[in-house]
């Protein structure tokens, strides 16, 4: 398959490329073109399951599955985790009606224009480079005891979840530690009608996801 590279995150009006991936929650492959001409689809492109923020975003997206299906919209979750590791995780942490795919090479992220952020000593060139000296605090009331920097928050949440980092996870972290993520609502022709990405807002969207009401509002505004 020829790999596509979008120069920027896809925006409403852009046509999504086809990407073919290994399905996690069923056998065989899953592709963007499986939905084209059939149904609209909400595509979530996340970091690997090693990312506690992404695990929560995946769960939040899965909770909308039934409501989206009532509007005739399918969902596809893509994770930067090797297939065997991902299948093991979802075996013990099942999410009803979840259709998920494995993309350890982050082909889909590049195709949809989501960059892999490079952490530097003092350079800031969002969304390609960001200084490690950047002050950022994550506030998650009810899950974090206080606002924390991303690394401390990640460690705290992994411990709370009982998530143990494996060698597969370490390889994914080494290759895509700065991978930015997003969600894209495609119509039945595969054209983006709504999106939410970490690229937007000069970093203010990092480690967060769209509010469920925002997703459902976009779904309601799209003719099915």
Protein backbone atom coordinates (compact mmCIF):
# COMPACT_ATOMS: atom_id res chain seq x y z
CA UNK A 1 0.00 0.00 0.00
CA UNK A 2 1.34 3.41 -0.94
CA UNK A 3 1.59 5.55 2.15
CA UNK A 4 0.05 9.01 2.14
CA UNK A 5 1.47 11.92 4.12
CA UNK A 6 -0.77 14.91 4.75
CA UNK A 7 1.13 18.17 5.31
CA UNK A 8 -1.36 19.25 7.98
CA UNK A 9 -4.21 17.63 9.89
CA UNK A 10 -7.18 16.95 7.65
CA UNK A 11 -9.88 19.60 7.95
CA UNK A 12 -13.61 19.68 7.15
CA UNK A 13 -13.97 19.35 3.39
CA UNK A 14 -10.84 17.19 2.97
CA UNK A 15 -11.23 13.68 1.63
CA UNK A 16 -9.78 11.05 3.94
CA UNK A 17 -7.24 8.63 2.43
CA UNK A 18 -7.73 4.90 2.56
CA UNK A 19 -5.72 3.10 5.24
CA UNK A 20 -5.78 -0.68 5.73
CA UNK A 21 -4.96 -2.04 9.20
CA UNK A 22 -5.14 -5.24 11.26
CA UNK A 23 -8.39 -5.44 13.19
CA UNK A 24 -7.99 -5.97 16.94
CA UNK A 25 -11.52 -6.77 18.10
CA UNK A 26 -12.28 -9.08 15.18
CA UNK A 27 -10.28 -11.11 12.68
CA UNK A 28 -8.94 -9.79 9.39
CA UNK A 29 -8.39 -6.27 8.18
CA UNK A 30 -10.29 -3.02 8.53
CA UNK A 31 -10.01 -0.11 6.11
CA UNK A 32 -11.36 3.41 5.74
CA UNK A 33 -12.76 2.33 2.39
CA UNK A 34 -14.91 -0.29 4.18
CA UNK A 35 -17.16 2.61 5.20
CA UNK A 36 -16.93 4.74 2.06
CA UNK A 37 -20.20 4.67 0.18
CA UNK A 38 -21.80 2.79 3.08
CA UNK A 39 -21.93 4.77 6.31
CA UNK A 40 -20.40 7.80 7.99
CA UNK A 41 -17.72 6.88 10.52
CA UNK A 42 -16.03 8.52 13.49
CA UNK A 43 -12.31 7.67 13.29
CA UNK A 44 -10.26 8.06 16.47
CA UNK A 45 -6.48 8.01 16.00
CA UNK A 46 -4.74 7.54 19.34
CA UNK A 47 -1.32 6.87 20.78
CA UNK A 48 -0.69 3.37 22.04
CA UNK A 49 -2.50 1.80 24.94
CA UNK A 50 0.55 2.71 27.00
CA UNK A 51 -0.87 6.27 27.09
CA UNK A 52 -3.30 6.59 30.02
CA UNK A 53 -4.87 9.70 28.51
CA UNK A 54 -5.60 7.82 25.29
CA UNK A 55 -7.05 4.87 27.20
CA UNK A 56 -9.55 7.28 28.71
CA UNK A 57 -10.30 8.94 25.38
CA UNK A 58 -10.87 5.52 23.79
CA UNK A 59 -13.30 4.60 26.56
CA UNK A 60 -15.10 7.94 26.15
CA UNK A 61 -15.41 7.38 22.41
CA UNK A 62 -16.69 3.84 22.96
CA UNK A 63 -19.40 5.15 25.29
CA UNK A 64 -20.84 7.08 22.34
CA UNK A 65 -21.06 4.01 20.08
CA UNK A 66 -24.75 3.30 20.66
CA UNK A 67 -25.77 6.95 20.36
CA UNK A 68 -23.80 7.30 17.12
CA UNK A 69 -25.22 4.09 15.69
CA UNK A 70 -28.73 5.41 16.33
CA UNK A 71 -27.78 8.19 13.90
CA UNK A 72 -26.39 5.68 11.41
CA UNK A 73 -22.74 6.45 12.20
CA UNK A 74 -20.08 3.78 12.84
CA UNK A 75 -16.89 4.18 14.89
CA UNK A 76 -13.31 3.05 14.35
CA UNK A 77 -10.62 3.30 17.02
CA UNK A 78 -6.97 3.10 15.92
CA UNK A 79 -4.15 2.54 18.42
CA UNK A 80 -0.37 2.69 18.06
CA UNK A 81 0.01 -0.74 19.71
CA UNK A 82 1.16 -4.06 18.20
CA UNK A 83 -1.73 -6.40 17.41
CA UNK A 84 -1.00 -9.14 19.98
CA UNK A 85 -0.49 -6.66 22.80
CA UNK A 86 -3.66 -4.78 21.84
CA UNK A 87 -5.76 -7.95 21.66
CA UNK A 88 -4.52 -9.01 25.08
CA UNK A 89 -5.42 -5.61 26.56
CA UNK A 90 -8.96 -5.56 25.16
CA UNK A 91 -9.50 -9.17 26.20
CA UNK A 92 -9.14 -8.06 29.81
CA UNK A 93 -10.59 -4.57 29.30
CA UNK A 94 -13.44 -5.13 26.84
CA UNK A 95 -15.47 -2.19 25.55
CA UNK A 96 -18.88 -3.13 24.13
CA UNK A 97 -19.28 -2.68 20.37
CA UNK A 98 -15.71 -1.41 19.99
CA UNK A 99 -14.20 -1.76 16.52
CA UNK A 100 -10.47 -1.22 16.95
CA UNK A 101 -7.44 -1.53 14.69
CA UNK A 102 -3.70 -1.78 15.32
CA UNK A 103 -1.30 0.70 13.71
CA UNK A 104 2.13 0.33 15.36
CA UNK A 105 3.80 2.16 12.46
CA UNK A 106 1.38 5.13 12.79
CA UNK A 107 0.56 5.01 9.08
CA UNK A 108 -2.95 6.35 9.69
CA UNK A 109 -1.71 9.21 11.87
CA UNK A 110 0.60 10.43 9.10
CA UNK A 111 -2.08 9.95 6.45
CA UNK A 112 -4.47 12.13 8.44
CA UNK A 113 -1.74 14.73 8.99
CA UNK A 114 -1.07 14.24 12.71
CA UNK A 115 2.61 14.98 13.41
CA UNK A 116 4.97 13.21 15.78
CA UNK A 117 6.05 16.04 18.07
CA UNK A 118 9.80 16.33 18.69
CA UNK A 119 10.87 17.32 22.20
CA UNK A 120 13.87 19.68 22.21
CA UNK A 121 16.00 21.55 24.71
CA UNK A 122 14.75 25.03 23.89
CA UNK A 123 13.13 25.09 20.42
CA UNK A 124 9.42 25.72 20.02
CA UNK A 125 7.93 25.25 16.57
CA UNK A 126 4.43 23.97 17.21
CA UNK A 127 3.27 21.40 16.18
CA UNK A 128 6.63 19.97 15.07
CA UNK A 129 8.88 20.85 17.98
CA UNK A 130 8.34 21.81 21.60
CA UNK A 131 10.76 22.66 24.38
CA UNK A 132 11.04 20.23 27.27
CA UNK A 133 11.12 23.34 29.46
CA UNK A 134 7.54 24.14 28.48
CA UNK A 135 5.42 24.46 31.57
CA UNK A 136 2.34 22.25 31.31
CA UNK A 137 0.04 20.96 33.99
CA UNK A 138 -2.76 18.45 33.52
CA UNK A 139 -5.82 18.94 35.69
CA UNK A 140 -8.10 15.91 35.97
CA UNK A 141 -10.30 16.37 39.05
CA UNK A 142 -11.35 13.05 40.50
CA UNK A 143 -8.43 11.22 38.91
CA UNK A 144 -5.38 13.30 39.79
CA UNK A 145 -4.88 14.65 43.32
CA UNK A 146 -3.65 17.97 41.90
CA UNK A 147 -2.54 19.43 38.55
CA UNK A 148 0.59 17.56 37.44
CA UNK A 149 3.13 17.69 34.65
CA UNK A 150 2.40 15.11 31.92
CA UNK A 151 5.06 12.59 32.97
CA UNK A 152 4.01 12.60 36.62
CA UNK A 153 0.34 12.42 35.65
CA UNK A 154 1.01 9.49 33.32
CA UNK A 155 2.86 7.56 36.02
CA UNK A 156 0.11 8.27 38.56
CA UNK A 157 -2.65 7.12 36.20
CA UNK A 158 -0.76 3.99 35.11
CA UNK A 159 -0.40 3.02 38.76
CA UNK A 160 -4.06 3.75 39.44
CA UNK A 161 -5.05 1.63 36.42
CA UNK A 162 -2.67 -1.19 37.30
CA UNK A 163 -1.16 -0.83 33.83
CA UNK A 164 2.29 -2.39 33.45
CA UNK A 165 4.49 -1.12 30.63
CA UNK A 166 5.77 -4.00 28.46
CA UNK A 167 8.64 -4.21 25.97
CA UNK A 168 6.13 -3.65 23.15
CA UNK A 169 4.97 -0.49 24.90
CA UNK A 170 8.54 0.71 25.36
CA UNK A 171 9.22 0.30 21.63
CA UNK A 172 6.09 2.31 20.78
CA UNK A 173 7.03 5.04 23.26
CA UNK A 174 10.55 5.27 21.82
CA UNK A 175 9.25 5.68 18.27
CA UNK A 176 6.14 7.78 18.85
CA UNK A 177 6.38 9.43 22.26
CA UNK A 178 5.29 12.75 20.76
CA UNK A 179 2.61 11.45 18.42
CA UNK A 180 -0.34 13.85 18.36
CA UNK A 181 -3.83 12.39 18.13
CA UNK A 182 -7.29 13.31 16.96
CA UNK A 183 -10.82 12.31 16.03
CA UNK A 184 -12.34 12.76 12.56
CA UNK A 185 -15.99 12.44 11.58
CA UNK A 186 -16.24 11.29 7.96
CA UNK A 187 -19.42 11.31 5.88
CA UNK A 188 -20.42 8.33 3.75
CA UNK A 189 -18.18 9.62 0.94
CA UNK A 190 -15.16 9.71 3.24
CA UNK A 191 -15.06 13.51 3.49
CA UNK A 192 -14.17 15.07 6.84
CA UNK A 193 -17.12 16.95 8.32
CA UNK A 194 -15.76 17.61 11.82
CA UNK A 195 -12.49 17.05 13.67
CA UNK A 196 -10.76 17.50 17.01
CA UNK A 197 -6.97 17.22 17.21
CA UNK A 198 -4.17 17.94 19.66
CA UNK A 199 -2.62 20.12 16.97
CA UNK A 200 -5.27 22.79 17.42
CA UNK A 201 -4.92 25.45 20.08
CA UNK A 202 -1.11 25.52 20.15
CA UNK A 203 -1.01 22.61 22.56
CA UNK A 204 -4.01 23.44 24.72
CA UNK A 205 -5.77 20.30 23.46
CA UNK A 206 -2.94 17.97 24.43
CA UNK A 207 -3.93 14.98 26.58
CA UNK A 208 -7.59 15.91 26.27
CA UNK A 209 -10.47 14.95 24.05
CA UNK A 210 -13.66 16.48 22.75
CA UNK A 211 -16.68 16.75 25.02
CA UNK A 212 -19.29 14.08 24.19
CA UNK A 213 -21.85 16.80 23.48
CA UNK A 214 -19.47 18.28 20.88
CA UNK A 215 -19.17 14.95 19.09
CA UNK A 216 -22.91 14.34 19.16
CA UNK A 217 -23.64 17.86 17.99
CA UNK A 218 -21.38 17.30 14.98
CA UNK A 219 -23.08 13.97 14.32
CA UNK A 220 -26.52 15.55 14.52
CA UNK A 221 -25.53 18.29 12.06
CA UNK A 222 -24.39 15.80 9.46
CA UNK A 223 -27.00 14.33 7.15
CA UNK A 224 -26.80 10.53 7.15
